[in-house]
Protein backbone atom coordinates (compact mmCIF):
# COMPACT_ATOMS: atom_id res chain seq x y z
CA MET A 1 39.72 -132.35 70.86
CA LYS A 2 36.21 -132.72 69.42
CA ASN A 3 34.58 -132.58 72.88
CA THR A 4 36.60 -129.49 73.69
CA LYS A 5 35.44 -127.85 70.47
CA ILE A 6 31.80 -128.49 71.28
CA ASN A 7 32.10 -127.40 74.90
CA ILE A 8 33.76 -124.16 73.81
CA LEU A 9 30.96 -123.60 71.32
CA LEU A 10 28.35 -124.11 74.02
CA LEU A 11 30.21 -121.77 76.34
CA LEU A 12 29.71 -118.92 73.89
CA VAL A 13 26.01 -118.77 74.74
CA ALA A 14 26.84 -116.90 77.91
CA PHE A 15 28.10 -114.01 75.78
CA ILE A 16 25.89 -114.03 72.68
CA PRO A 17 23.05 -111.92 74.13
CA TYR A 18 25.54 -109.07 74.60
CA PHE A 19 26.43 -109.13 70.91
CA ILE A 20 22.80 -109.28 69.83
CA PHE A 21 21.03 -106.94 72.21
CA ALA A 22 23.54 -104.69 73.97
CA GLN A 23 23.43 -101.08 72.90
CA LYS A 24 26.08 -99.76 75.28
CA THR A 25 29.76 -100.53 75.53
CA VAL A 26 30.45 -103.29 78.06
CA LYS A 27 32.44 -101.98 81.02
CA LEU A 28 35.48 -104.11 81.74
CA LYS A 29 36.35 -103.61 85.39
CA ASN A 30 39.20 -106.07 85.78
CA GLU A 31 41.41 -108.60 84.04
CA THR A 32 38.79 -111.36 84.32
CA ASP A 33 36.26 -109.14 82.54
CA SER A 34 38.75 -108.37 79.78
CA ILE A 35 39.64 -112.02 79.29
CA SER A 36 35.96 -112.98 79.27
CA TYR A 37 35.13 -110.36 76.66
CA ALA A 38 38.13 -111.23 74.50
CA PHE A 39 37.24 -114.92 74.70
CA ALA A 40 33.67 -114.18 73.59
CA VAL A 41 34.84 -112.08 70.65
CA SER A 42 37.25 -114.81 69.56
CA LEU A 43 34.60 -117.52 69.77
CA ALA A 44 31.96 -115.45 67.98
CA THR A 45 34.40 -114.70 65.18
CA GLN A 46 35.26 -118.39 64.84
CA ILE A 47 31.59 -119.37 64.73
CA LYS A 48 30.99 -116.91 61.89
CA LYS A 49 33.99 -118.33 60.03
CA ASP A 50 32.51 -121.80 60.44
CA GLY A 51 29.40 -120.63 58.63
CA VAL A 52 27.03 -120.66 61.61
CA ASP A 53 24.85 -117.59 61.11
CA ASN A 54 21.46 -118.72 62.43
CA ILE A 55 21.34 -119.61 66.14
CA ASN A 56 18.25 -120.26 68.27
CA LEU A 57 19.34 -118.61 71.52
CA LYS A 58 16.74 -120.42 73.65
CA VAL A 59 17.95 -123.83 72.51
CA PHE A 60 21.54 -122.63 72.71
CA ASN A 61 21.10 -121.48 76.32
CA LYS A 62 19.51 -124.76 77.38
CA ALA A 63 22.29 -126.79 75.80
CA PHE A 64 24.89 -124.61 77.49
CA LYS A 65 23.31 -125.02 80.93
CA HIS A 66 22.89 -128.77 80.49
CA ALA A 67 26.52 -129.18 79.43
CA LEU A 68 27.79 -126.88 82.17
CA ASN A 69 25.82 -128.72 84.87
CA GLU A 70 26.66 -132.14 83.41
CA LYS A 71 23.02 -133.00 82.78
CA PRO A 72 21.95 -135.49 80.08
CA LEU A 73 22.36 -133.98 76.61
CA THR A 74 19.88 -134.35 73.77
CA ILE A 75 22.85 -134.44 71.42
CA ASP A 76 26.18 -135.64 72.75
CA ALA A 77 29.50 -134.06 71.85
CA ASN A 78 30.32 -136.55 69.09
CA GLN A 79 26.93 -136.11 67.43
CA ALA A 80 27.22 -132.35 67.76
CA ASP A 81 30.59 -132.38 66.05
CA LYS A 82 29.10 -134.31 63.11
CA ILE A 83 26.20 -131.87 62.85
CA LEU A 84 28.55 -128.89 62.81
CA GLU A 85 30.78 -130.51 60.20
CA LYS A 86 27.74 -131.29 58.04
CA ASN A 87 26.60 -127.67 58.32
CA LYS A 88 30.07 -126.43 57.41
CA ILE A 89 30.14 -128.60 54.29
CA LYS A 90 26.64 -127.46 53.35
CA LYS A 91 27.63 -123.80 53.68
CA SER A 92 30.81 -124.39 51.69
CA ASN A 93 28.87 -126.08 48.88
CA MET A 94 26.36 -123.23 48.80
CA THR A 95 29.18 -120.69 48.61
CA ALA A 96 30.91 -122.67 45.88
CA GLN A 97 27.75 -122.82 43.76
CA LYS A 98 27.08 -119.11 44.27
CA ASN A 99 30.66 -118.23 43.29
CA LEU A 100 30.46 -120.48 40.22
CA GLU A 101 27.30 -118.77 38.98
CA GLU A 102 28.62 -115.27 39.71
CA GLY A 103 31.90 -116.08 37.98
CA LYS A 104 30.11 -117.40 34.90
CA THR A 105 28.00 -114.25 34.66
CA PHE A 106 31.06 -112.04 35.16
CA LEU A 107 33.04 -113.77 32.40
CA GLU A 108 30.12 -113.69 29.98
CA GLU A 109 29.78 -109.93 30.41
CA ASN A 110 33.52 -109.33 30.50
CA GLY A 111 34.00 -111.21 27.24
CA LYS A 112 31.82 -108.65 25.46
CA LYS A 113 34.15 -105.79 26.31
CA GLU A 114 36.51 -104.30 23.75
CA GLY A 115 40.03 -105.69 23.93
CA ILE A 116 39.12 -108.86 25.83
CA VAL A 117 40.30 -112.10 24.22
CA THR A 118 38.53 -115.32 25.22
CA LEU A 119 40.37 -118.59 24.60
CA GLU A 120 38.79 -122.00 24.03
CA SER A 121 39.64 -123.01 27.61
CA GLY A 122 37.60 -120.10 28.97
CA LEU A 123 40.63 -118.04 29.96
CA GLN A 124 40.27 -114.36 29.14
CA TYR A 125 42.97 -111.74 28.85
CA ALA A 126 43.54 -108.13 27.91
CA ILE A 127 46.91 -106.88 26.66
CA ILE A 128 47.94 -103.82 28.62
CA GLN A 129 51.47 -103.61 27.22
CA GLN A 130 53.03 -105.57 24.37
CA GLY A 131 56.24 -107.46 25.08
CA MET A 132 59.27 -107.43 22.79
CA GLY A 133 61.29 -110.37 24.14
CA GLY A 134 61.16 -114.14 24.03
CA VAL A 135 58.23 -116.43 24.78
CA PRO A 136 58.45 -118.96 27.65
CA THR A 137 58.17 -122.71 27.15
CA LEU A 138 56.93 -125.39 29.52
CA GLU A 139 60.52 -125.84 30.69
CA SER A 140 61.08 -122.15 31.46
CA GLN A 141 61.56 -120.35 34.75
CA VAL A 142 60.04 -116.88 34.67
CA LYS A 143 60.27 -113.74 36.79
CA THR A 144 56.99 -111.88 37.19
CA HIS A 145 55.20 -109.17 39.09
CA TYR A 146 51.50 -109.68 39.73
CA ARG A 147 48.42 -108.58 41.62
CA GLY A 148 45.54 -110.98 42.24
CA THR A 149 41.98 -109.92 43.02
CA LEU A 150 38.54 -111.47 43.32
CA ILE A 151 35.80 -110.23 40.99
CA ASP A 152 34.58 -107.91 43.77
CA GLY A 153 37.95 -106.13 43.66
CA LYS A 154 39.37 -107.58 46.88
CA VAL A 155 43.15 -108.05 46.63
CA PHE A 156 44.28 -111.45 47.93
CA ASP A 157 47.94 -111.37 46.90
CA SER A 158 50.39 -108.93 45.33
CA SER A 159 54.10 -109.06 44.62
CA TYR A 160 53.86 -105.33 43.87
CA ASP A 161 52.78 -104.67 47.45
CA ARG A 162 55.69 -106.75 48.73
CA GLY A 163 58.05 -104.83 46.47
CA LYS A 164 59.69 -107.97 45.10
CA PRO A 165 58.97 -109.99 41.92
CA ILE A 166 58.68 -113.76 42.10
CA THR A 167 60.44 -116.44 40.05
CA PHE A 168 58.83 -119.83 39.40
CA PRO A 169 58.54 -122.59 36.78
CA VAL A 170 55.86 -122.07 34.13
CA THR A 171 54.28 -125.39 35.09
CA GLY A 172 54.40 -124.61 38.82
CA VAL A 173 51.35 -122.36 38.90
CA ILE A 174 47.60 -122.60 38.25
CA LYS A 175 46.49 -123.68 34.76
CA GLY A 176 45.27 -120.23 33.80
CA TRP A 177 48.68 -118.73 34.50
CA THR A 178 50.54 -121.44 32.59
CA GLU A 179 48.32 -121.03 29.54
CA ALA A 180 48.80 -117.26 29.53
CA LEU A 181 52.56 -117.34 30.11
CA LEU A 182 53.04 -119.56 27.06
CA LEU A 183 51.50 -116.78 24.95
CA MET A 184 53.26 -113.78 26.50
CA LYS A 185 56.53 -112.15 25.52
CA GLU A 186 59.11 -110.74 27.92
CA GLY A 187 58.12 -107.23 28.91
CA ALA A 188 54.41 -107.85 28.38
CA LYS A 189 51.74 -106.77 30.84
CA TRP A 190 48.41 -108.58 30.70
CA THR A 191 45.28 -108.71 32.78
CA LEU A 192 44.01 -112.28 33.14
CA PHE A 193 40.44 -113.31 33.95
CA ILE A 194 40.64 -116.90 35.11
CA PRO A 195 37.59 -119.17 35.55
CA ALA A 196 37.54 -121.36 38.65
CA ASP A 197 38.42 -124.59 36.83
CA LEU A 198 41.68 -122.98 35.65
CA ALA A 199 42.40 -121.55 39.11
CA TYR A 200 41.83 -123.23 42.49
CA GLY A 201 38.48 -124.89 41.76
CA THR A 202 36.23 -126.13 44.53
CA ARG A 203 39.02 -126.23 47.12
CA GLY A 204 39.87 -122.52 47.12
CA ALA A 205 43.22 -121.53 48.62
CA GLY A 206 44.74 -120.25 51.83
CA GLY A 207 41.50 -119.10 53.37
CA VAL A 208 41.57 -115.99 51.14
CA ILE A 209 40.38 -117.50 47.85
CA PRO A 210 36.91 -119.03 48.29
CA PRO A 211 35.76 -122.19 46.48
CA ASN A 212 34.97 -121.81 42.77
CA ALA A 213 36.25 -118.24 42.69
CA THR A 214 36.93 -116.54 39.37
CA LEU A 215 40.22 -114.67 39.66
CA ILE A 216 41.67 -111.55 38.08
CA PHE A 217 45.44 -111.10 37.77
CA ASP A 218 47.49 -108.16 36.57
CA ILE A 219 50.66 -109.90 35.47
CA GLU A 220 53.95 -108.56 34.16
CA LEU A 221 56.39 -110.97 32.53
CA ILE A 222 59.69 -109.37 33.50
CA SER A 223 62.07 -111.99 32.15
CA ILE A 224 62.67 -115.61 31.26
CA GLU A 225 65.33 -116.82 33.69
CA LYS A 226 66.19 -120.08 31.94
């Protein structure tokens, strides 16, 4: 599997110049052309996802030709896999640190705004609508509607968009949610501003929440189910 991954990566070199230098649309004359183009797009997209954004095309071309012609490699497939994994971790750590700093700055500025409450844990909230019902406990199941966004406004999840609220145990969600739910009354609508350590931390989530991301949730506590 590792060797296959590296060989596929090397194969991409045949297509990269088209992405970098081509000014005209590539003409696809037959099925082979279409498959080749689609394969190149898929591989290029995957490389970007893996955090590889700086490629020396001369070195890349040589490695591709050597691998294709089964000539001795300066770096074998196993070594190459380790290098790529190391680069991926490095990029992830850099992203995590950047997100942590941006989140800290965001929360510091947000906390100065009128109507924002900052708790000792670092959780911030704004009350959009007061609730009139009961308050959940750690043993409660609650029904909620919510919309989650990153600090740049990108929506990563929304029960509103799905048109269906979700029911879950108060202790079955991220720490920031649990802390807020224990303060809310049925019928309340709050906006939560959750620091990374009360959300998904360094691991992120589902490929849509990056590491150390500060999250914003519009949350509506519809009812306490039990």
